[in-house]
């Protein structure tokens, strides 16, 4: 929770909004939804090629 000059930023689950709204009578609020997609992790191809290059350099 952050508060600055009459502004409060809360990070809540959607189910918690009515409870918080009751606890803060007279306050106006706006819901914001931010989502970020996290890409799937894939093995690095270059790690394989580095191993191949190291093996070729030894042989």
C-alpha atoms as a PDB file:
ATOM      1  CA  UNK A   1       0.000   0.000   0.000  1.00  0.00           C
ATOM      2  CA  UNK A   2       1.326   3.419  -0.930  1.00  0.00           C
ATOM      3  CA  UNK A   3      -0.171   6.754   0.053  1.00  0.00           C
ATOM      4  CA  UNK A   4       0.639  10.243  -1.197  1.00  0.00           C
ATOM      5  CA  UNK A   5      -1.349  13.479  -0.773  1.00  0.00           C
ATOM      6  CA  UNK A   6      -4.758  11.858  -0.454  1.00  0.00           C
ATOM      7  CA  UNK A   7      -4.040   9.168  -3.017  1.00  0.00           C
ATOM      8  CA  UNK A   8      -3.710   5.533  -2.031  1.00  0.00           C
ATOM      9  CA  UNK A   9      -2.549   2.719  -4.273  1.00  0.00           C
ATOM     10  CA  UNK A  10      -3.664  -0.773  -3.244  1.00  0.00           C
ATOM     11  CA  UNK A  11      -2.875  -4.048  -4.899  1.00  0.00           C
ATOM     12  CA  UNK A  12      -5.857  -6.340  -4.330  1.00  0.00           C
ATOM     13  CA  UNK A  13      -7.544  -9.424  -5.604  1.00  0.00           C
ATOM     14  CA  UNK A  14     -10.851  -8.540  -7.313  1.00  0.00           C
ATOM     15  CA  UNK A  15     -12.774 -10.274  -4.518  1.00  0.00           C
ATOM     16  CA  UNK A  16     -11.288  -7.868  -1.939  1.00  0.00           C
ATOM     17  CA  UNK A  17     -12.537  -4.663  -3.620  1.00  0.00           C
ATOM     18  CA  UNK A  18     -15.995  -4.547  -1.962  1.00  0.00           C
ATOM     19  CA  UNK A  19     -14.474  -5.080   1.490  1.00  0.00           C
ATOM     20  CA  UNK A  20     -11.958  -2.273   1.016  1.00  0.00           C
ATOM     21  CA  UNK A  21     -14.634   0.041  -0.442  1.00  0.00           C
ATOM     22  CA  UNK A  22     -16.713  -0.458   2.730  1.00  0.00           C
ATOM     23  CA  UNK A  23     -13.684   0.213   4.934  1.00  0.00           C
ATOM     24  CA  UNK A  24     -12.986   3.541   3.167  1.00  0.00           C
ATOM     25  CA  UNK A  25     -16.338   5.380   2.986  1.00  0.00           C
ATOM     26  CA  UNK A  26     -16.206   8.599   0.990  1.00  0.00           C
ATOM     27  CA  UNK A  27     -13.164   7.547  -1.011  1.00  0.00           C
ATOM     28  CA  UNK A  28     -13.407   7.279  -4.783  1.00  0.00           C
ATOM     29  CA  UNK A  29     -11.625   4.435  -6.438  1.00  0.00           C
ATOM     30  CA  UNK A  30     -10.749   3.162  -9.884  1.00  0.00           C
ATOM     31  CA  UNK A  31      -9.725  -0.349 -10.761  1.00  0.00           C
ATOM     32  CA  UNK A  32      -6.731  -0.810 -13.013  1.00  0.00           C
ATOM     33  CA  UNK A  33      -5.746  -4.098 -14.538  1.00  0.00           C
ATOM     34  CA  UNK A  34      -2.211  -4.679 -15.645  1.00  0.00           C
ATOM     35  CA  UNK A  35      -1.095  -7.991 -16.987  1.00  0.00           C
ATOM     36  CA  UNK A  36       2.198  -9.051 -18.418  1.00  0.00           C
ATOM     37  CA  UNK A  37       2.760 -12.122 -20.531  1.00  0.00           C
ATOM     38  CA  UNK A  38       5.888 -14.001 -19.680  1.00  0.00           C
ATOM     39  CA  UNK A  39       7.378 -15.825 -22.660  1.00  0.00           C
ATOM     40  CA  UNK A  40       8.016 -19.528 -22.410  1.00  0.00           C
ATOM     41  CA  UNK A  41      11.552 -20.385 -21.438  1.00  0.00           C
ATOM     42  CA  UNK A  42      13.389 -22.187 -24.184  1.00  0.00           C
ATOM     43  CA  UNK A  43      16.847 -23.675 -23.895  1.00  0.00           C
ATOM     44  CA  UNK A  44      19.488 -21.503 -25.460  1.00  0.00           C
ATOM     45  CA  UNK A  45      20.609 -22.898 -28.788  1.00  0.00           C
ATOM     46  CA  UNK A  46      23.972 -21.190 -28.570  1.00  0.00           C
ATOM     47  CA  UNK A  47      24.918 -23.199 -25.491  1.00  0.00           C
ATOM     48  CA  UNK A  48      24.798 -26.309 -27.668  1.00  0.00           C
ATOM     49  CA  UNK A  49      26.871 -24.680 -30.395  1.00  0.00           C
ATOM     50  CA  UNK A  50      29.444 -23.473 -27.888  1.00  0.00           C
ATOM     51  CA  UNK A  51      29.845 -27.041 -26.682  1.00  0.00           C
ATOM     52  CA  UNK A  52      30.252 -28.223 -30.266  1.00  0.00           C
ATOM     53  CA  UNK A  53      32.815 -25.508 -30.973  1.00  0.00           C
ATOM     54  CA  UNK A  54      34.784 -26.374 -27.849  1.00  0.00           C
ATOM     55  CA  UNK A  55      34.790 -30.070 -28.812  1.00  0.00           C
ATOM     56  CA  UNK A  56      35.920 -29.224 -32.352  1.00  0.00           C
ATOM     57  CA  UNK A  57      38.717 -27.014 -31.022  1.00  0.00           C
ATOM     58  CA  UNK A  58      40.005 -29.852 -28.796  1.00  0.00           C
ATOM     59  CA  UNK A  59      39.861 -32.506 -31.528  1.00  0.00           C
END
